[in-house]
Protein backbone atom coordinates (compact mmCIF):
# COMPACT_ATOMS: atom_id res chain seq x y z
CA MET A 1 -60.93 8.05 -28.47
CA THR A 2 -59.20 11.23 -27.38
CA SER A 3 -56.00 9.29 -26.63
CA ARG A 4 -56.08 7.66 -30.06
CA ALA A 5 -56.64 11.01 -31.79
CA THR A 6 -53.73 12.50 -29.86
CA GLY A 7 -51.52 9.61 -30.95
CA PHE A 8 -52.46 10.09 -34.61
CA ARG A 9 -51.81 13.82 -34.33
CA TRP A 10 -48.36 13.27 -32.79
CA THR A 11 -47.46 10.74 -35.47
CA ALA A 12 -48.48 13.23 -38.16
CA ILE A 13 -46.30 15.91 -36.55
CA ARG A 14 -43.31 13.55 -36.44
CA ARG A 15 -43.73 12.64 -40.10
CA SER A 16 -44.12 16.29 -41.08
CA ALA A 17 -40.92 17.16 -39.24
CA CYS A 18 -39.04 14.36 -41.00
CA SER A 19 -40.39 15.52 -44.37
CA LEU A 20 -39.32 19.10 -43.66
CA VAL A 21 -35.80 18.03 -42.71
CA ALA A 22 -35.51 15.84 -45.81
CA SER A 23 -36.77 18.62 -48.08
CA ILE A 24 -34.36 21.20 -46.73
CA ALA A 25 -31.47 18.74 -46.83
CA PHE A 26 -32.21 18.13 -50.51
CA CYS A 27 -32.01 21.87 -51.17
CA PHE A 28 -28.65 22.12 -49.38
CA PRO A 29 -26.26 19.59 -50.94
CA SER A 30 -23.40 21.14 -48.98
CA LEU A 31 -24.91 19.83 -45.74
CA GLY A 32 -22.28 18.03 -43.65
CA CYS A 33 -22.32 15.26 -41.07
CA ILE A 34 -19.98 13.18 -38.96
CA THR A 35 -20.36 9.67 -37.53
CA MET A 36 -18.94 8.30 -34.29
CA ALA A 37 -18.74 4.61 -33.39
CA GLY A 38 -20.40 3.32 -30.22
CA ASP A 39 -18.64 1.62 -27.32
CA GLN A 40 -20.42 -1.74 -27.03
CA LEU A 41 -17.67 -3.65 -28.85
CA SER A 42 -13.89 -3.30 -28.79
CA ASP A 43 -11.49 -3.35 -31.72
CA ILE A 44 -10.05 -6.86 -32.10
CA GLU A 45 -7.59 -8.60 -34.39
CA VAL A 46 -9.06 -11.62 -36.17
CA ARG A 47 -6.71 -14.52 -36.79
CA PRO A 48 -6.23 -15.58 -40.41
CA LEU A 49 -7.52 -18.96 -41.55
CA GLU A 50 -5.28 -22.01 -41.44
CA ILE A 51 -6.74 -23.26 -44.72
CA PRO A 52 -7.77 -21.62 -48.03
CA PRO A 53 -10.71 -19.25 -47.37
CA PRO A 54 -14.13 -20.65 -48.28
CA ALA A 55 -16.97 -19.28 -50.42
CA VAL A 56 -20.26 -18.19 -48.86
CA GLU A 57 -23.86 -17.94 -50.05
CA GLN A 58 -25.73 -15.38 -47.97
CA THR A 59 -29.33 -14.33 -47.45
CA VAL A 60 -31.49 -12.26 -45.10
CA GLY A 61 -34.01 -13.85 -42.76
CA ASN A 62 -36.15 -12.00 -40.23
CA TYR A 63 -34.50 -8.57 -40.22
CA SER A 64 -36.41 -5.47 -39.08
CA PHE A 65 -35.63 -1.81 -39.64
CA HIS A 66 -37.10 1.08 -37.70
CA LEU A 67 -36.42 4.80 -38.12
CA ASP A 68 -37.77 7.21 -35.55
CA GLY A 69 -40.89 8.80 -37.01
CA GLY A 70 -41.70 5.71 -39.08
CA LYS A 71 -43.02 2.22 -38.45
CA LEU A 72 -41.15 -1.00 -37.79
CA ILE A 73 -40.84 -3.00 -41.00
CA THR A 74 -39.19 -6.19 -42.17
CA SER A 75 -36.54 -4.95 -44.54
CA ASN A 76 -34.67 -7.29 -46.85
CA LYS A 77 -32.96 -4.27 -48.44
CA ALA A 78 -31.57 -2.97 -45.13
CA GLY A 79 -30.38 -6.46 -44.21
CA ARG A 80 -28.66 -6.93 -47.57
CA GLU A 81 -26.79 -3.67 -47.10
CA VAL A 82 -25.57 -4.78 -43.68
CA ASN A 83 -24.52 -8.18 -45.07
CA LYS A 84 -22.65 -6.49 -47.89
CA LEU A 85 -20.57 -4.43 -45.48
CA ILE A 86 -19.96 -7.30 -43.05
CA LEU A 87 -18.86 -9.73 -45.76
CA GLU A 88 -16.78 -7.11 -47.57
CA ARG A 89 -14.78 -6.87 -44.35
CA TRP A 90 -14.34 -10.64 -44.33
CA LYS A 91 -13.17 -10.63 -47.94
CA THR A 92 -10.74 -7.76 -47.32
CA ARG A 93 -9.23 -9.69 -44.41
CA GLY A 94 -8.90 -12.83 -46.53
CA LEU A 95 -11.45 -14.75 -44.45
CA ILE A 96 -13.67 -15.73 -47.41
CA THR A 97 -13.04 -15.84 -51.14
CA ARG A 98 -16.43 -14.66 -52.36
CA GLU A 99 -20.02 -14.13 -51.29
CA THR A 100 -23.18 -14.58 -53.33
CA TYR A 101 -26.64 -13.36 -52.40
CA VAL A 102 -29.59 -15.74 -52.78
CA GLU A 103 -33.26 -15.25 -52.04
CA SER A 104 -34.40 -16.35 -48.59
CA SER A 105 -33.79 -20.09 -48.00
CA GLN A 106 -32.95 -20.70 -51.68
CA PHE A 107 -29.39 -21.88 -51.17
CA THR A 108 -27.89 -23.74 -54.12
CA GLY A 109 -25.17 -25.74 -52.36
CA ASN A 110 -22.50 -24.20 -54.62
CA ALA A 111 -20.54 -22.70 -51.71
CA GLU A 112 -18.96 -24.22 -48.62
CA TYR A 113 -21.23 -22.23 -46.30
CA ASN A 114 -24.79 -20.89 -46.14
CA LEU A 115 -25.08 -17.67 -44.11
CA THR A 116 -28.33 -16.14 -42.82
CA LEU A 117 -28.68 -12.74 -41.15
CA SER A 118 -31.50 -11.88 -38.75
CA GLY A 119 -31.94 -9.18 -36.13
CA ARG A 120 -32.88 -5.52 -36.09
CA GLN A 121 -31.64 -2.05 -36.96
CA GLU A 122 -33.09 1.02 -35.26
CA GLY A 123 -32.50 4.72 -35.80
CA ASP A 124 -33.33 6.85 -32.77
CA SER A 125 -33.55 10.64 -33.01
CA ASN A 126 -35.28 13.64 -31.45
CA VAL A 127 -37.85 14.66 -34.06
CA ILE A 128 -38.39 18.10 -32.49
CA LEU A 129 -34.66 18.76 -32.71
CA GLN A 130 -34.71 17.70 -36.36
CA PHE A 131 -37.53 20.17 -36.97
CA LEU A 132 -35.66 23.03 -35.26
CA SER A 133 -32.47 22.12 -37.12
CA GLY A 134 -34.34 22.33 -40.42
CA LEU A 135 -35.77 25.74 -39.51
CA THR A 136 -32.25 27.08 -38.82
CA LEU A 137 -30.97 25.60 -42.11
CA PHE A 138 -28.96 23.06 -40.10
CA ILE A 139 -26.85 25.61 -38.24
CA LEU A 140 -28.37 23.94 -35.19
CA PRO A 141 -27.24 20.28 -35.35
CA TYR A 142 -29.36 17.18 -34.89
CA TRP A 143 -28.32 13.59 -34.43
CA VAL A 144 -29.47 10.03 -35.12
CA ASN A 145 -28.25 7.03 -33.14
CA THR A 146 -28.30 3.84 -35.24
CA GLN A 147 -28.34 0.63 -33.22
CA PHE A 148 -27.63 -2.83 -34.66
CA ASP A 149 -28.55 -6.11 -32.97
CA LEU A 150 -27.35 -8.79 -35.37
CA ALA A 151 -27.70 -12.58 -35.27
CA TYR A 152 -25.96 -14.83 -37.79
CA THR A 153 -26.47 -18.51 -38.50
CA ILE A 154 -23.91 -20.22 -40.70
CA GLU A 155 -24.21 -23.78 -41.98
CA HIS A 156 -21.40 -25.89 -43.35
CA VAL A 157 -23.01 -27.40 -46.45
CA ASP A 158 -21.23 -30.74 -46.54
CA SER A 159 -21.57 -31.68 -42.87
CA GLY A 160 -24.82 -29.84 -42.11
CA LYS A 161 -23.29 -28.44 -38.92
CA LYS A 162 -24.66 -25.04 -37.86
CA PHE A 163 -23.07 -22.28 -35.83
CA GLU A 164 -24.56 -19.08 -34.41
CA ALA A 165 -23.17 -15.69 -33.40
CA LYS A 166 -24.66 -12.45 -32.07
CA ALA A 167 -23.28 -8.93 -31.75
CA SER A 168 -24.62 -5.44 -30.99
CA GLU A 169 -23.11 -2.06 -31.75
CA SER A 170 -24.18 1.45 -32.77
CA TYR A 171 -22.97 4.66 -34.31
CA LEU A 172 -24.03 8.26 -33.91
CA THR A 173 -24.62 10.55 -36.89
CA ILE A 174 -24.48 14.31 -36.23
CA THR A 175 -25.73 16.53 -39.05
CA GLU A 176 -24.79 20.22 -39.21
CA LEU A 177 -24.08 22.73 -41.96
CA LEU A 178 -20.63 23.53 -40.55
CA PHE A 179 -19.53 19.89 -40.86
CA PHE A 180 -19.39 20.12 -44.66
CA PRO A 181 -15.56 20.60 -44.83
CA ILE A 182 -15.01 17.23 -43.13
CA SER A 183 -17.58 15.36 -45.22
CA PRO A 184 -14.91 13.13 -46.89
CA PHE A 185 -14.23 11.65 -43.45
CA ALA A 186 -17.85 11.61 -42.30
CA MET A 187 -18.44 7.84 -42.43
CA GLY A 188 -15.36 6.82 -40.44
CA GLY A 189 -17.34 6.10 -37.29
CA ALA A 190 -19.99 4.10 -39.13
CA LEU A 191 -17.33 2.04 -40.92
CA ARG A 192 -15.61 1.32 -37.63
CA THR A 193 -18.92 0.05 -36.24
CA TYR A 194 -19.45 -2.32 -39.18
CA ASN A 195 -15.86 -3.55 -38.90
CA ARG A 196 -16.29 -4.29 -35.20
CA LEU A 197 -19.50 -6.21 -35.86
CA ALA A 198 -17.85 -8.20 -38.64
CA ASP A 199 -14.77 -9.06 -36.56
CA HIS A 200 -16.68 -10.07 -33.43
CA ILE A 201 -19.18 -12.20 -35.36
CA TYR A 202 -16.40 -13.98 -37.22
CA GLN A 203 -14.43 -14.57 -34.03
CA GLN A 204 -17.45 -16.10 -32.30
CA LEU A 205 -18.02 -18.45 -35.23
CA ALA A 206 -14.34 -19.35 -35.43
CA GLU A 207 -14.18 -20.11 -31.70
CA GLN A 208 -17.03 -22.59 -32.18
CA GLY A 209 -15.03 -24.36 -34.90
CA ALA A 210 -17.08 -23.13 -37.85
CA PHE A 211 -13.99 -22.56 -40.02
CA SER A 212 -11.69 -25.20 -38.58
CA PRO A 213 -9.87 -27.62 -40.90
CA GLU A 214 -11.92 -30.46 -39.38
CA THR A 215 -15.20 -28.77 -40.33
CA LEU A 216 -14.05 -27.89 -43.84
CA ALA A 217 -12.80 -31.45 -44.37
CA ALA A 218 -16.10 -32.92 -43.22
CA LYS A 219 -17.27 -34.04 -46.67
CA PRO A 220 -15.37 -37.35 -46.76
CA ILE A 221 -16.41 -37.95 -43.16
CA LYS A 222 -20.06 -37.40 -44.04
CA GLU A 223 -19.72 -39.72 -46.99
CA ALA A 224 -18.14 -42.26 -44.66
CA ALA A 225 -21.08 -41.94 -42.31
CA ASP A 226 -23.42 -42.78 -45.18
CA ARG A 227 -21.55 -46.07 -45.57
CA LEU A 228 -22.43 -47.12 -42.04
CA GLY A 229 -25.59 -48.87 -43.23
CA HIS A 230 -26.17 -52.63 -43.21
CA GLU A 231 -23.29 -54.84 -44.27
CA SER A 232 -23.56 -56.57 -47.64
CA GLU A 233 -21.33 -57.64 -50.50
CA GLY A 234 -18.92 -54.87 -51.41
CA GLN A 235 -19.60 -53.02 -48.12
CA PRO A 236 -17.05 -52.58 -45.29
CA SER A 237 -16.93 -55.31 -42.67
CA ALA A 238 -18.48 -54.80 -39.23
CA VAL A 239 -15.01 -54.23 -37.75
CA GLU A 240 -14.24 -51.53 -40.34
CA ARG A 241 -17.62 -49.88 -39.79
CA LEU A 242 -17.09 -49.81 -36.01
CA ARG A 243 -13.62 -48.34 -36.51
CA LEU A 244 -15.10 -45.70 -38.80
CA LEU A 245 -17.84 -44.96 -36.28
CA ASP A 246 -15.20 -44.44 -33.56
CA GLU A 247 -13.41 -42.00 -35.87
CA LEU A 248 -16.59 -40.02 -36.47
CA ARG A 249 -17.25 -39.69 -32.75
CA SER A 250 -13.66 -38.64 -32.01
CA LYS A 251 -13.99 -35.87 -34.59
CA GLY A 252 -17.27 -34.71 -33.10
CA MET A 253 -19.29 -35.61 -36.17
CA VAL A 254 -21.76 -37.80 -34.26
CA THR A 255 -23.16 -37.42 -30.76
CA ASP A 256 -22.80 -40.07 -28.07
CA GLU A 257 -26.47 -40.96 -28.53
CA GLU A 258 -26.05 -41.36 -32.29
CA TYR A 259 -22.87 -43.38 -31.71
CA GLU A 260 -24.58 -45.87 -29.39
CA LYS A 261 -27.57 -46.26 -31.74
CA LYS A 262 -25.42 -46.87 -34.82
CA LYS A 263 -23.14 -49.20 -32.90
CA GLY A 264 -26.13 -51.23 -31.86
CA ASP A 265 -27.32 -51.38 -35.48
CA ILE A 266 -23.92 -52.67 -36.65
CA LEU A 267 -23.66 -55.28 -33.91
CA GLY A 268 -27.23 -56.32 -34.57
CA ASP A 269 -26.28 -57.26 -38.13
CA LEU A 270 -23.72 -59.81 -36.93
């Protein structure tokens, strides 16, 4: 019981400190800060697409947000903000034409790809230092380290093929009254972090073939696969269906197991 009471008391102190810092910050609009990118990811150059950039429908899955002094919550809002910054980077680089948000799992099929974000975002800070910083009117600085562990799943709508990518990075925010003159440049480190996440996630997906011409041209191949049913009047001959099945396997659209099963079905109709 004593341990539980101590825990409640410490949580109350942490929340009071956060409230004090927030209240003082509101009273001092000239408060300044600076952000610095982490070192988990490097800066990379993403190759442009070989074909016209596709459209994307995006949503947020299981995404959690935790700020020191508060509880861990599932936050659609925080996830949407991350998605917005990641996909804005993709649009700026000419990697996608547009992105549209949809509610969880309510994809419409009106874009070439369905994109789902999951993962976590955590802000770590010394609450006591925040309290002392507030008492000194932010002459004494405090900092918050924001860590991102992102996981993306992207599905090509026409073929149903799915690809996954993961990336982790962070940025440090230092808040101090004397940083006010450099406030216009304050978010440079945070932006660099988002750009690194966006570039590395895209590169992972591209290396898996998510945006290859073969994947984007998969619609006629999928339609061809649907024609590999039983032979009847007006349907392709068994020879044509076997030739088409060979083509699907060579393009990676069917597995060896699926190939053998369908081949057996076709030969069984003879």
